[in-house]
C-alpha atoms as a PDB file:
ATOM      1  CA  MET A   1      -5.255   0.562  71.818  1.00  0.00           C
ATOM      2  CA  GLN A   2      -4.253   3.723  69.964  1.00  0.00           C
ATOM      3  CA  GLU A   3      -5.624   7.246  69.728  1.00  0.00           C
ATOM      4  CA  ILE A   4      -5.543   8.950  66.348  1.00  0.00           C
ATOM      5  CA  LYS A   5      -5.745  12.735  66.208  1.00  0.00           C
ATOM      6  CA  ALA A   6      -6.012  14.409  62.853  1.00  0.00           C
ATOM      7  CA  PHE A   7      -6.140  18.106  62.046  1.00  0.00           C
ATOM      8  CA  ILE A   8      -7.681  18.664  58.608  1.00  0.00           C
ATOM      9  CA  ARG A   9      -9.175  21.415  56.464  1.00  0.00           C
ATOM     10  CA  PRO A  10     -12.866  22.017  57.280  1.00  0.00           C
ATOM     11  CA  ASN A  11     -13.902  21.561  53.650  1.00  0.00           C
ATOM     12  CA  MET A  12     -12.452  18.024  53.663  1.00  0.00           C
ATOM     13  CA  LEU A  13     -14.465  16.861  56.685  1.00  0.00           C
ATOM     14  CA  ASN A  14     -17.423  15.292  54.853  1.00  0.00           C
ATOM     15  CA  ALA A  15     -15.226  13.184  52.585  1.00  0.00           C
ATOM     16  CA  VAL A  16     -13.178  11.928  55.552  1.00  0.00           C
ATOM     17  CA  LEU A  17     -16.257  11.148  57.659  1.00  0.00           C
ATOM     18  CA  GLN A  18     -17.951   9.294  54.800  1.00  0.00           C
ATOM     19  CA  ALA A  19     -14.872   7.136  54.211  1.00  0.00           C
ATOM     20  CA  LEU A  20     -14.503   6.380  57.939  1.00  0.00           C
ATOM     21  CA  HIS A  21     -18.199   5.543  58.188  1.00  0.00           C
ATOM     22  CA  GLU A  22     -17.801   3.028  55.363  1.00  0.00           C
ATOM     23  CA  HIS A  23     -14.962   1.217  57.187  1.00  0.00           C
ATOM     24  CA  PRO A  24     -16.707  -1.896  58.589  1.00  0.00           C
ATOM     25  CA  ASP A  25     -15.024  -2.001  62.024  1.00  0.00           C
ATOM     26  CA  PHE A  26     -14.467   1.702  62.666  1.00  0.00           C
ATOM     27  CA  PRO A  27     -15.712   2.401  66.221  1.00  0.00           C
ATOM     28  CA  GLY A  28     -16.452   6.130  66.008  1.00  0.00           C
ATOM     29  CA  VAL A  29     -14.966   9.604  65.941  1.00  0.00           C
ATOM     30  CA  THR A  30     -15.182  12.909  67.796  1.00  0.00           C
ATOM     31  CA  VAL A  31     -15.079  16.091  65.715  1.00  0.00           C
ATOM     32  CA  SER A  32     -14.069  19.515  67.053  1.00  0.00           C
ATOM     33  CA  GLU A  33     -13.755  22.869  65.325  1.00  0.00           C
ATOM     34  CA  VAL A  34     -10.389  24.372  66.277  1.00  0.00           C
ATOM     35  CA  ARG A  35      -8.068  27.209  65.224  1.00  0.00           C
ATOM     36  CA  GLY A  36      -4.297  27.238  64.930  1.00  0.00           C
ATOM     37  CA  PHE A  37      -1.297  28.096  62.826  1.00  0.00           C
ATOM     38  CA  GLY A  38       1.672  26.301  61.377  1.00  0.00           C
ATOM     39  CA  ARG A  39       4.943  27.439  59.891  1.00  0.00           C
ATOM     40  CA  VAL A  40       3.468  28.245  56.484  1.00  0.00           C
ATOM     41  CA  ALA A  41      -0.275  28.826  56.624  1.00  0.00           C
ATOM     42  CA  GLY A  42      -1.953  31.588  58.590  1.00  0.00           C
ATOM     43  CA  ARG A  43       1.059  33.405  60.033  1.00  0.00           C
ATOM     44  CA  ASP A  44      -0.021  36.998  59.333  1.00  0.00           C
ATOM     45  CA  SER A  45       0.555  38.598  62.749  1.00  0.00           C
ATOM     46  CA  SER A  46      -0.595  42.004  61.496  1.00  0.00           C
ATOM     47  CA  GLN A  47      -4.230  40.913  61.895  1.00  0.00           C
ATOM     48  CA  PRO A  48      -5.861  42.625  64.892  1.00  0.00           C
ATOM     49  CA  SER A  49      -7.196  39.388  66.391  1.00  0.00           C
ATOM     50  CA  GLY A  50      -6.545  35.688  66.075  1.00  0.00           C
ATOM     51  CA  TYR A  51      -2.796  36.098  65.453  1.00  0.00           C
ATOM     52  CA  GLY A  52      -3.157  34.685  61.968  1.00  0.00           C
ATOM     53  CA  THR A  53      -4.829  31.457  63.045  1.00  0.00           C
ATOM     54  CA  VAL A  54      -6.833  29.444  60.561  1.00  0.00           C
ATOM     55  CA  ALA A  55      -9.885  27.257  61.081  1.00  0.00           C
ATOM     56  CA  MET A  56      -9.208  23.524  61.186  1.00  0.00           C
ATOM     57  CA  VAL A  57     -11.158  20.441  62.222  1.00  0.00           C
ATOM     58  CA  LYS A  58      -9.768  18.009  64.779  1.00  0.00           C
ATOM     59  CA  LEU A  59     -10.783  14.357  64.543  1.00  0.00           C
ATOM     60  CA  GLU A  60     -10.134  12.057  67.504  1.00  0.00           C
ATOM     61  CA  CYS A  61     -10.725   8.323  67.564  1.00  0.00           C
ATOM     62  CA  LEU A  62      -9.682   5.277  69.562  1.00  0.00           C
ATOM     63  CA  VAL A  63      -8.907   2.145  67.557  1.00  0.00           C
ATOM     64  CA  GLU A  64      -7.284  -1.254  68.003  1.00  0.00           C
ATOM     65  CA  GLU A  65      -3.644  -1.424  66.939  1.00  0.00           C
ATOM     66  CA  GLY A  66      -4.585  -3.493  63.899  1.00  0.00           C
ATOM     67  CA  GLN A  67      -6.802  -0.690  62.573  1.00  0.00           C
ATOM     68  CA  VAL A  68      -4.325   2.178  62.880  1.00  0.00           C
ATOM     69  CA  ALA A  69      -2.726   1.878  59.436  1.00  0.00           C
ATOM     70  CA  ASP A  70      -6.117   1.630  57.669  1.00  0.00           C
ATOM     71  CA  VAL A  71      -7.629   4.579  59.514  1.00  0.00           C
ATOM     72  CA  VAL A  72      -4.564   6.785  59.026  1.00  0.00           C
ATOM     73  CA  GLN A  73      -4.533   5.924  55.298  1.00  0.00           C
ATOM     74  CA  ILE A  74      -8.245   6.717  54.943  1.00  0.00           C
ATOM     75  CA  ILE A  75      -7.777  10.117  56.575  1.00  0.00           C
ATOM     76  CA  GLN A  76      -4.697  10.912  54.493  1.00  0.00           C
ATOM     77  CA  ASP A  77      -6.325   9.835  51.224  1.00  0.00           C
ATOM     78  CA  GLN A  78      -9.494  11.830  51.813  1.00  0.00           C
ATOM     79  CA  ALA A  79      -7.977  14.957  53.416  1.00  0.00           C
ATOM     80  CA  ALA A  80      -5.044  15.568  51.080  1.00  0.00           C
ATOM     81  CA  THR A  81      -5.216  18.421  48.580  1.00  0.00           C
ATOM     82  CA  GLY A  82      -1.480  18.550  47.901  1.00  0.00           C
ATOM     83  CA  ARG A  83      -1.214  22.113  49.219  1.00  0.00           C
ATOM     84  CA  PRO A  84       0.482  23.382  52.389  1.00  0.00           C
ATOM     85  CA  GLY A  85      -1.930  23.421  55.308  1.00  0.00           C
ATOM     86  CA  ASP A  86      -3.554  20.033  54.638  1.00  0.00           C
ATOM     87  CA  GLY A  87      -2.992  19.170  58.306  1.00  0.00           C
ATOM     88  CA  LYS A  88      -1.375  16.548  60.498  1.00  0.00           C
ATOM     89  CA  ILE A  89      -2.125  13.072  61.853  1.00  0.00           C
ATOM     90  CA  ALA A  90      -0.744  11.884  65.198  1.00  0.00           C
ATOM     91  CA  VAL A  91      -0.993   8.429  66.756  1.00  0.00           C
ATOM     92  CA  HIS A  92      -0.655   7.920  70.515  1.00  0.00           C
ATOM     93  CA  ASP A  93      -0.655   4.910  72.813  1.00  0.00           C
ATOM     94  CA  VAL A  94      -3.689   4.700  75.098  1.00  0.00           C
ATOM     95  CA  ILE A  95      -3.086   3.175  78.503  1.00  0.00           C
ATOM     96  CA  SER A  96      -6.706   2.587  79.437  1.00  0.00           C
ATOM     97  CA  VAL A  97     -10.296   3.381  78.502  1.00  0.00           C
ATOM     98  CA  MET A  98     -13.359   3.067  80.709  1.00  0.00           C
ATOM     99  CA  ARG A  99     -17.019   3.402  79.829  1.00  0.00           C
ATOM    100  CA  ILE A 100     -18.440   5.714  82.472  1.00  0.00           C
ATOM    101  CA  ARG A 101     -21.947   4.224  82.466  1.00  0.00           C
ATOM    102  CA  THR A 102     -20.989   0.572  83.028  1.00  0.00           C
ATOM    103  CA  GLY A 103     -17.403   0.603  84.246  1.00  0.00           C
ATOM    104  CA  GLU A 104     -16.324  -1.643  81.344  1.00  0.00           C
ATOM    105  CA  SER A 105     -12.718  -1.150  80.361  1.00  0.00           C
ATOM    106  CA  GLY A 106     -10.415  -1.840  77.431  1.00  0.00           C
ATOM    107  CA  MET A 107     -11.957  -2.853  74.110  1.00  0.00           C
ATOM    108  CA  ASP A 108     -15.188  -3.814  75.901  1.00  0.00           C
ATOM    109  CA  ALA A 109     -15.679  -0.090  76.533  1.00  0.00           C
ATOM    110  CA  MET A 110     -15.408   0.619  72.811  1.00  0.00           C
ATOM    111  CA  VAL A 111     -18.320  -1.490  71.549  1.00  0.00           C
END
């Protein structure tokens, strides 16, 4: 099982969510509003607060290994504008998952 984290522009969220929703086996996603800065975008430290951070959206999802390439491609296709600051996608190994309510683990906890 893999975890995909993607940081994208807020205005690209609806397009990404629609495309993920249309994927037949996509299990679900968590969306968070976050702030941050990178090397290029949002580095104006003269601002009195926020240290030049910009608003981003973080998507987090757990998928089977066979879905990783499709999900990453969907996010990249829908979130890309071609300008600096489009965001990042990271993929991590997940050691275990447990559904709190039932105690199910592994992929059984995902459905």
